Full PDB file with SEQRES, HELIX, SHEET, SSBOND, CRYST1, ORIGX, SCALE, CONECT and MASTER records, all heavy atoms in Angstrom:
SEQRES   1 A   30  SER VAL ASP GLU LYS ASN ILE SER GLU MET LEU ALA SER          
SEQRES   2 A   30  SER GLU ILE PHE ASP PHE LYS PRO SER ASN LEU ILE ASP          
SEQRES   3 A   30  ASP LEU GLN LEU                                              
HELIX    1 AA1 GLU A    4  SER A   13  1                                  10    
HELIX    2 AA2 PRO A   21  ASP A   27  1                                   7    
CRYST1    1.000    1.000    1.000  90.00  90.00  90.00 P 1           1          
ORIGX1      1.000000  0.000000  0.000000        0.00000                         
ORIGX2      0.000000  1.000000  0.000000        0.00000                         
ORIGX3      0.000000  0.000000  1.000000        0.00000                         
SCALE1      1.000000  0.000000  0.000000        0.00000                         
SCALE2      0.000000  1.000000  0.000000        0.00000                         
SCALE3      0.000000  0.000000  1.000000        0.00000                         
ATOM      1  N   SER A   1     174.647  38.494 115.148  1.00  0.00           N  
ATOM      2  CA  SER A   1     173.738  38.499 114.052  1.00  0.00           C  
ATOM      3  C   SER A   1     172.763  39.617 114.053  1.00  0.00           C  
ATOM      4  O   SER A   1     171.907  39.733 113.162  1.00  0.00           O  
ATOM      5  CB  SER A   1     173.022  37.107 113.939  1.00  0.00           C  
ATOM      6  OG  SER A   1     172.233  37.000 115.106  1.00  0.00           O  
ATOM      7  N   VAL A   2     172.733  40.425 115.105  1.00  0.00           N  
ATOM      8  CA  VAL A   2     171.983  41.679 115.104  1.00  0.00           C  
ATOM      9  C   VAL A   2     172.852  42.827 115.474  1.00  0.00           C  
ATOM     10  O   VAL A   2     174.015  42.607 115.782  1.00  0.00           O  
ATOM     11  CB  VAL A   2     170.892  41.516 116.258  1.00  0.00           C  
ATOM     12  CG1 VAL A   2     169.965  40.288 115.950  1.00  0.00           C  
ATOM     13  CG2 VAL A   2     171.558  41.355 117.642  1.00  0.00           C  
ATOM     14  N   ASP A   3     172.300  43.970 115.257  1.00  0.00           N  
ATOM     15  CA  ASP A   3     173.102  45.291 115.419  1.00  0.00           C  
ATOM     16  C   ASP A   3     173.431  45.271 116.921  1.00  0.00           C  
ATOM     17  O   ASP A   3     172.552  45.192 117.825  1.00  0.00           O  
ATOM     18  CB  ASP A   3     172.277  46.427 115.012  1.00  0.00           C  
ATOM     19  CG  ASP A   3     173.133  47.739 114.905  1.00  0.00           C  
ATOM     20  OD1 ASP A   3     173.998  47.919 115.745  1.00  0.00           O  
ATOM     21  OD2 ASP A   3     172.830  48.550 114.021  1.00  0.00           O  
ATOM     22  N   GLU A   4     174.735  45.645 117.280  1.00  0.00           N  
ATOM     23  CA  GLU A   4     175.105  45.723 118.632  1.00  0.00           C  
ATOM     24  C   GLU A   4     174.407  46.828 119.353  1.00  0.00           C  
ATOM     25  O   GLU A   4     174.178  46.811 120.522  1.00  0.00           O  
ATOM     26  CB  GLU A   4     176.639  45.956 118.728  1.00  0.00           C  
ATOM     27  CG  GLU A   4     177.486  44.725 118.667  1.00  0.00           C  
ATOM     28  CD  GLU A   4     178.893  44.966 118.863  1.00  0.00           C  
ATOM     29  OE1 GLU A   4     179.285  46.125 119.269  1.00  0.00           O  
ATOM     30  OE2 GLU A   4     179.750  44.058 118.745  1.00  0.00           O  
ATOM     31  N   LYS A   5     174.040  47.875 118.573  1.00  0.00           N  
ATOM     32  CA  LYS A   5     173.238  48.940 119.198  1.00  0.00           C  
ATOM     33  C   LYS A   5     171.984  48.479 119.795  1.00  0.00           C  
ATOM     34  O   LYS A   5     171.533  48.932 120.823  1.00  0.00           O  
ATOM     35  CB  LYS A   5     172.958  50.055 118.108  1.00  0.00           C  
ATOM     36  CG  LYS A   5     172.191  51.240 118.559  1.00  0.00           C  
ATOM     37  CD  LYS A   5     171.854  52.197 117.413  1.00  0.00           C  
ATOM     38  CE  LYS A   5     171.002  53.312 117.922  1.00  0.00           C  
ATOM     39  NZ  LYS A   5     170.682  54.294 116.783  1.00  0.00           N  
ATOM     40  N   ASN A   6     171.286  47.521 119.143  1.00  0.00           N  
ATOM     41  CA  ASN A   6     170.055  46.962 119.699  1.00  0.00           C  
ATOM     42  C   ASN A   6     170.344  46.197 120.967  1.00  0.00           C  
ATOM     43  O   ASN A   6     169.519  46.301 121.869  1.00  0.00           O  
ATOM     44  CB  ASN A   6     169.459  46.063 118.599  1.00  0.00           C  
ATOM     45  CG  ASN A   6     169.000  46.829 117.308  1.00  0.00           C  
ATOM     46  OD1 ASN A   6     168.779  48.044 117.398  1.00  0.00           O  
ATOM     47  ND2 ASN A   6     168.849  46.112 116.253  1.00  0.00           N  
ATOM     48  N   ILE A   7     171.486  45.482 121.034  1.00  0.00           N  
ATOM     49  CA  ILE A   7     171.783  44.817 122.310  1.00  0.00           C  
ATOM     50  C   ILE A   7     172.044  45.783 123.423  1.00  0.00           C  
ATOM     51  O   ILE A   7     171.520  45.575 124.556  1.00  0.00           O  
ATOM     52  CB  ILE A   7     172.971  43.905 122.075  1.00  0.00           C  
ATOM     53  CG1 ILE A   7     172.708  42.778 121.024  1.00  0.00           C  
ATOM     54  CG2 ILE A   7     173.383  43.160 123.409  1.00  0.00           C  
ATOM     55  CD1 ILE A   7     174.015  41.891 120.705  1.00  0.00           C  
ATOM     56  N   SER A   8     172.705  46.786 123.147  1.00  0.00           N  
ATOM     57  CA  SER A   8     172.983  47.841 124.119  1.00  0.00           C  
ATOM     58  C   SER A   8     171.716  48.490 124.608  1.00  0.00           C  
ATOM     59  O   SER A   8     171.567  48.737 125.814  1.00  0.00           O  
ATOM     60  CB  SER A   8     173.948  48.977 123.577  1.00  0.00           C  
ATOM     61  OG  SER A   8     175.147  48.472 123.243  1.00  0.00           O  
ATOM     62  N   GLU A   9     170.823  48.818 123.625  1.00  0.00           N  
ATOM     63  CA  GLU A   9     169.547  49.378 124.051  1.00  0.00           C  
ATOM     64  C   GLU A   9     168.740  48.443 124.915  1.00  0.00           C  
ATOM     65  O   GLU A   9     168.015  48.952 125.857  1.00  0.00           O  
ATOM     66  CB  GLU A   9     168.792  49.811 122.849  1.00  0.00           C  
ATOM     67  CG  GLU A   9     169.355  51.035 122.045  1.00  0.00           C  
ATOM     68  CD  GLU A   9     168.733  51.319 120.781  1.00  0.00           C  
ATOM     69  OE1 GLU A   9     167.870  50.539 120.320  1.00  0.00           O  
ATOM     70  OE2 GLU A   9     169.023  52.424 120.147  1.00  0.00           O  
ATOM     71  N   MET A  10     168.776  47.133 124.585  1.00  0.00           N  
ATOM     72  CA  MET A  10     167.983  46.165 125.400  1.00  0.00           C  
ATOM     73  C   MET A  10     168.588  46.183 126.779  1.00  0.00           C  
ATOM     74  O   MET A  10     167.796  46.254 127.781  1.00  0.00           O  
ATOM     75  CB  MET A  10     168.225  44.783 124.751  1.00  0.00           C  
ATOM     76  CG  MET A  10     167.625  43.673 125.601  1.00  0.00           C  
ATOM     77  SD  MET A  10     168.279  41.993 125.105  1.00  0.00           S  
ATOM     78  CE  MET A  10     169.957  42.125 125.795  1.00  0.00           C  
ATOM     79  N   LEU A  11     169.876  46.227 127.004  1.00  0.00           N  
ATOM     80  CA  LEU A  11     170.492  46.202 128.333  1.00  0.00           C  
ATOM     81  C   LEU A  11     170.170  47.519 129.077  1.00  0.00           C  
ATOM     82  O   LEU A  11     169.836  47.521 130.314  1.00  0.00           O  
ATOM     83  CB  LEU A  11     172.009  46.008 128.216  1.00  0.00           C  
ATOM     84  CG  LEU A  11     172.459  44.629 127.761  1.00  0.00           C  
ATOM     85  CD1 LEU A  11     173.968  44.519 127.620  1.00  0.00           C  
ATOM     86  CD2 LEU A  11     171.870  43.532 128.710  1.00  0.00           C  
ATOM     87  N   ALA A  12     170.189  48.600 128.369  1.00  0.00           N  
ATOM     88  CA  ALA A  12     169.995  49.922 128.938  1.00  0.00           C  
ATOM     89  C   ALA A  12     168.543  50.127 129.454  1.00  0.00           C  
ATOM     90  O   ALA A  12     168.261  50.848 130.320  1.00  0.00           O  
ATOM     91  CB  ALA A  12     170.408  51.056 128.076  1.00  0.00           C  
ATOM     92  N   SER A  13     167.575  49.403 128.788  1.00  0.00           N  
ATOM     93  CA  SER A  13     166.145  49.539 129.058  1.00  0.00           C  
ATOM     94  C   SER A  13     165.873  48.932 130.397  1.00  0.00           C  
ATOM     95  O   SER A  13     164.806  49.262 130.954  1.00  0.00           O  
ATOM     96  CB  SER A  13     165.367  48.881 127.992  1.00  0.00           C  
ATOM     97  OG  SER A  13     165.423  47.467 128.072  1.00  0.00           O  
ATOM     98  N   SER A  14     166.600  48.051 130.901  1.00  0.00           N  
ATOM     99  CA  SER A  14     166.410  47.341 132.225  1.00  0.00           C  
ATOM    100  C   SER A  14     165.199  46.459 132.133  1.00  0.00           C  
ATOM    101  O   SER A  14     164.765  45.953 133.152  1.00  0.00           O  
ATOM    102  CB  SER A  14     166.296  48.352 133.344  1.00  0.00           C  
ATOM    103  OG  SER A  14     167.440  49.084 133.440  1.00  0.00           O  
ATOM    104  N   GLU A  15     164.646  46.122 130.997  1.00  0.00           N  
ATOM    105  CA  GLU A  15     163.495  45.294 130.915  1.00  0.00           C  
ATOM    106  C   GLU A  15     163.747  43.839 131.198  1.00  0.00           C  
ATOM    107  O   GLU A  15     162.973  43.098 131.655  1.00  0.00           O  
ATOM    108  CB  GLU A  15     162.789  45.535 129.546  1.00  0.00           C  
ATOM    109  CG  GLU A  15     162.140  46.955 129.442  1.00  0.00           C  
ATOM    110  CD  GLU A  15     161.520  47.139 128.094  1.00  0.00           C  
ATOM    111  OE1 GLU A  15     161.403  46.195 127.214  1.00  0.00           O  
ATOM    112  OE2 GLU A  15     161.052  48.286 127.873  1.00  0.00           O  
ATOM    113  N   ILE A  16     164.925  43.420 130.675  1.00  0.00           N  
ATOM    114  CA  ILE A  16     165.407  42.037 130.825  1.00  0.00           C  
ATOM    115  C   ILE A  16     166.407  41.924 131.886  1.00  0.00           C  
ATOM    116  O   ILE A  16     166.340  41.028 132.792  1.00  0.00           O  
ATOM    117  CB  ILE A  16     165.817  41.425 129.545  1.00  0.00           C  
ATOM    118  CG1 ILE A  16     164.687  41.489 128.423  1.00  0.00           C  
ATOM    119  CG2 ILE A  16     166.283  39.993 129.695  1.00  0.00           C  
ATOM    120  CD1 ILE A  16     165.097  40.994 127.107  1.00  0.00           C  
ATOM    121  N   PHE A  17     167.352  42.755 131.836  1.00  0.00           N  
ATOM    122  CA  PHE A  17     168.467  42.747 132.863  1.00  0.00           C  
ATOM    123  C   PHE A  17     168.513  44.179 133.510  1.00  0.00           C  
ATOM    124  O   PHE A  17     168.726  45.165 132.743  1.00  0.00           O  
ATOM    125  CB  PHE A  17     169.819  42.491 132.183  1.00  0.00           C  
ATOM    126  CG  PHE A  17     169.874  41.116 131.573  1.00  0.00           C  
ATOM    127  CD1 PHE A  17     169.771  41.000 130.158  1.00  0.00           C  
ATOM    128  CD2 PHE A  17     170.161  40.004 132.316  1.00  0.00           C  
ATOM    129  CE1 PHE A  17     169.829  39.717 129.574  1.00  0.00           C  
ATOM    130  CE2 PHE A  17     170.215  38.740 131.723  1.00  0.00           C  
ATOM    131  CZ  PHE A  17     170.020  38.622 130.378  1.00  0.00           C  
ATOM    132  N   ASP A  18     168.308  44.209 134.764  1.00  0.00           N  
ATOM    133  CA  ASP A  18     168.302  45.500 135.511  1.00  0.00           C  
ATOM    134  C   ASP A  18     169.546  45.518 136.418  1.00  0.00           C  
ATOM    135  O   ASP A  18     169.719  44.797 137.432  1.00  0.00           O  
ATOM    136  CB  ASP A  18     167.048  45.644 136.403  1.00  0.00           C  
ATOM    137  CG  ASP A  18     166.962  47.016 137.003  1.00  0.00           C  
ATOM    138  OD1 ASP A  18     167.973  47.720 137.076  1.00  0.00           O  
ATOM    139  OD2 ASP A  18     165.877  47.361 137.453  1.00  0.00           O  
ATOM    140  N   PHE A  19     170.539  46.448 136.076  1.00  0.00           N  
ATOM    141  CA  PHE A  19     171.836  46.478 136.698  1.00  0.00           C  
ATOM    142  C   PHE A  19     171.877  47.310 137.921  1.00  0.00           C  
ATOM    143  O   PHE A  19     172.913  47.485 138.476  1.00  0.00           O  
ATOM    144  CB  PHE A  19     172.935  46.871 135.657  1.00  0.00           C  
ATOM    145  CG  PHE A  19     173.374  45.848 134.709  1.00  0.00           C  
ATOM    146  CD1 PHE A  19     172.755  45.524 133.587  1.00  0.00           C  
ATOM    147  CD2 PHE A  19     174.541  45.128 135.024  1.00  0.00           C  
ATOM    148  CE1 PHE A  19     173.192  44.560 132.702  1.00  0.00           C  
ATOM    149  CE2 PHE A  19     175.048  44.204 134.181  1.00  0.00           C  
ATOM    150  CZ  PHE A  19     174.297  43.885 133.003  1.00  0.00           C  
ATOM    151  N   LYS A  20     170.742  47.744 138.452  1.00  0.00           N  
ATOM    152  CA  LYS A  20     170.786  48.443 139.628  1.00  0.00           C  
ATOM    153  C   LYS A  20     171.154  47.440 140.725  1.00  0.00           C  
ATOM    154  O   LYS A  20     170.701  46.234 140.726  1.00  0.00           O  
ATOM    155  CB  LYS A  20     169.305  49.011 140.050  1.00  0.00           C  
ATOM    156  CG  LYS A  20     169.006  50.184 139.260  1.00  0.00           C  
ATOM    157  CD  LYS A  20     167.610  50.709 139.705  1.00  0.00           C  
ATOM    158  CE  LYS A  20     167.158  51.905 138.917  1.00  0.00           C  
ATOM    159  NZ  LYS A  20     165.803  52.463 139.414  1.00  0.00           N  
ATOM    160  N   PRO A  21     171.980  47.752 141.736  1.00  0.00           N  
ATOM    161  CA  PRO A  21     172.482  46.781 142.770  1.00  0.00           C  
ATOM    162  C   PRO A  21     171.433  46.026 143.400  1.00  0.00           C  
ATOM    163  O   PRO A  21     171.479  44.770 143.579  1.00  0.00           O  
ATOM    164  CB  PRO A  21     173.289  47.699 143.759  1.00  0.00           C  
ATOM    165  CG  PRO A  21     173.762  48.837 142.874  1.00  0.00           C  
ATOM    166  CD  PRO A  21     172.700  49.110 141.954  1.00  0.00           C  
ATOM    167  N   SER A  22     170.324  46.645 143.880  1.00  0.00           N  
ATOM    168  CA  SER A  22     169.294  45.964 144.607  1.00  0.00           C  
ATOM    169  C   SER A  22     168.608  45.018 143.707  1.00  0.00           C  
ATOM    170  O   SER A  22     168.267  43.851 144.200  1.00  0.00           O  
ATOM    171  CB  SER A  22     168.267  46.949 145.150  1.00  0.00           C  
ATOM    172  OG  SER A  22     167.649  47.710 144.110  1.00  0.00           O  
ATOM    173  N   ASN A  23     168.512  45.277 142.406  1.00  0.00           N  
ATOM    174  CA  ASN A  23     167.750  44.341 141.580  1.00  0.00           C  
ATOM    175  C   ASN A  23     168.603  43.122 141.211  1.00  0.00           C  
ATOM    176  O   ASN A  23     168.161  42.016 141.284  1.00  0.00           O  
ATOM    177  CB  ASN A  23     167.308  45.032 140.247  1.00  0.00           C  
ATOM    178  CG  ASN A  23     166.619  44.074 139.282  1.00  0.00           C  
ATOM    179  OD1 ASN A  23     165.452  43.712 139.465  1.00  0.00           O  
ATOM    180  ND2 ASN A  23     167.404  43.494 138.352  1.00  0.00           N  
ATOM    181  N   LEU A  24     169.897  43.403 140.898  1.00  0.00           N  
ATOM    182  CA  LEU A  24     170.764  42.242 140.425  1.00  0.00           C  
ATOM    183  C   LEU A  24     170.929  41.324 141.695  1.00  0.00           C  
ATOM    184  O   LEU A  24     171.050  40.056 141.460  1.00  0.00           O  
ATOM    185  CB  LEU A  24     171.989  42.763 139.872  1.00  0.00           C  
ATOM    186  CG  LEU A  24     173.031  43.529 140.683  1.00  0.00           C  
ATOM    187  CD1 LEU A  24     174.035  42.674 141.442  1.00  0.00           C  
ATOM    188  CD2 LEU A  24     173.831  44.435 139.652  1.00  0.00           C  
ATOM    189  N   ILE A  25     171.002  41.878 142.837  1.00  0.00           N  
ATOM    190  CA  ILE A  25     171.191  41.027 144.038  1.00  0.00           C  
ATOM    191  C   ILE A  25     169.955  40.171 144.225  1.00  0.00           C  
ATOM    192  O   ILE A  25     169.997  38.948 144.455  1.00  0.00           O  
ATOM    193  CB  ILE A  25     171.376  41.905 145.316  1.00  0.00           C  
ATOM    194  CG1 ILE A  25     172.756  42.521 145.340  1.00  0.00           C  
ATOM    195  CG2 ILE A  25     171.112  41.125 146.587  1.00  0.00           C  
ATOM    196  CD1 ILE A  25     172.977  43.640 146.334  1.00  0.00           C  
ATOM    197  N   ASP A  26     168.696  40.683 144.042  1.00  0.00           N  
ATOM    198  CA  ASP A  26     167.481  40.020 144.121  1.00  0.00           C  
ATOM    199  C   ASP A  26     167.323  38.908 142.943  1.00  0.00           C  
ATOM    200  O   ASP A  26     166.903  37.829 143.166  1.00  0.00           O  
ATOM    201  CB  ASP A  26     166.284  40.902 144.031  1.00  0.00           C  
ATOM    202  CG  ASP A  26     166.208  41.675 145.395  1.00  0.00           C  
ATOM    203  OD1 ASP A  26     166.693  41.286 146.387  1.00  0.00           O  
ATOM    204  OD2 ASP A  26     165.354  42.720 145.386  1.00  0.00           O  
ATOM    205  N   ASP A  27     167.709  39.405 141.779  1.00  0.00           N  
ATOM    206  CA  ASP A  27     167.551  38.556 140.591  1.00  0.00           C  
ATOM    207  C   ASP A  27     168.368  37.306 140.754  1.00  0.00           C  
ATOM    208  O   ASP A  27     167.943  36.150 140.262  1.00  0.00           O  
ATOM    209  CB  ASP A  27     167.979  39.278 139.363  1.00  0.00           C  
ATOM    210  CG  ASP A  27     167.248  38.873 138.113  1.00  0.00           C  
ATOM    211  OD1 ASP A  27     166.474  37.981 138.179  1.00  0.00           O  
ATOM    212  OD2 ASP A  27     167.520  39.478 136.936  1.00  0.00           O  
ATOM    213  N   LEU A  28     169.592  37.372 141.284  1.00  0.00           N  
ATOM    214  CA  LEU A  28     170.458  36.266 141.408  1.00  0.00           C  
ATOM    215  C   LEU A  28     170.377  35.511 142.806  1.00  0.00           C  
ATOM    216  O   LEU A  28     171.119  34.645 143.061  1.00  0.00           O  
ATOM    217  CB  LEU A  28     171.829  36.601 141.039  1.00  0.00           C  
ATOM    218  CG  LEU A  28     172.150  37.084 139.724  1.00  0.00           C  
ATOM    219  CD1 LEU A  28     173.625  37.433 139.541  1.00  0.00           C  
ATOM    220  CD2 LEU A  28     171.733  36.073 138.619  1.00  0.00           C  
ATOM    221  N   GLN A  29     169.516  36.137 143.645  1.00  0.00           N  
ATOM    222  CA  GLN A  29     169.411  35.667 145.018  1.00  0.00           C  
ATOM    223  C   GLN A  29     170.740  35.510 145.773  1.00  0.00           C  
ATOM    224  O   GLN A  29     171.050  34.535 146.429  1.00  0.00           O  
ATOM    225  CB  GLN A  29     168.685  34.291 145.054  1.00  0.00           C  
ATOM    226  CG  GLN A  29     167.192  34.348 144.713  1.00  0.00           C  
ATOM    227  CD  GLN A  29     166.383  35.124 145.776  1.00  0.00           C  
ATOM    228  OE1 GLN A  29     166.223  34.603 146.842  1.00  0.00           O  
ATOM    229  NE2 GLN A  29     165.935  36.326 145.466  1.00  0.00           N  
ATOM    230  N   LEU A  30     171.482  36.654 145.624  1.00  0.00           N  
ATOM    231  CA  LEU A  30     172.870  36.597 146.143  1.00  0.00           C  
ATOM    232  C   LEU A  30     172.954  36.764 147.736  1.00  0.00           C  
ATOM    233  O   LEU A  30     173.979  36.392 148.299  1.00  0.00           O  
ATOM    234  CB  LEU A  30     173.612  37.774 145.559  1.00  0.00           C  
ATOM    235  CG  LEU A  30     173.901  37.742 144.010  1.00  0.00           C  
ATOM    236  CD1 LEU A  30     174.600  38.944 143.534  1.00  0.00           C  
ATOM    237  CD2 LEU A  30     174.517  36.450 143.614  1.00  0.00           C  
TER     238      LEU A  30                                                      
MASTER        0    0    0    2    0    0    0    6  237    1    0    3          
END                                                                             
């Protein structure tokens, strides 16, 4: 229901989801 470009920009900003390995490991307590 929103522009996919906006979703991509949200993910790339790392403000909600940060895909750096150290962060995602911490975020999910892996």
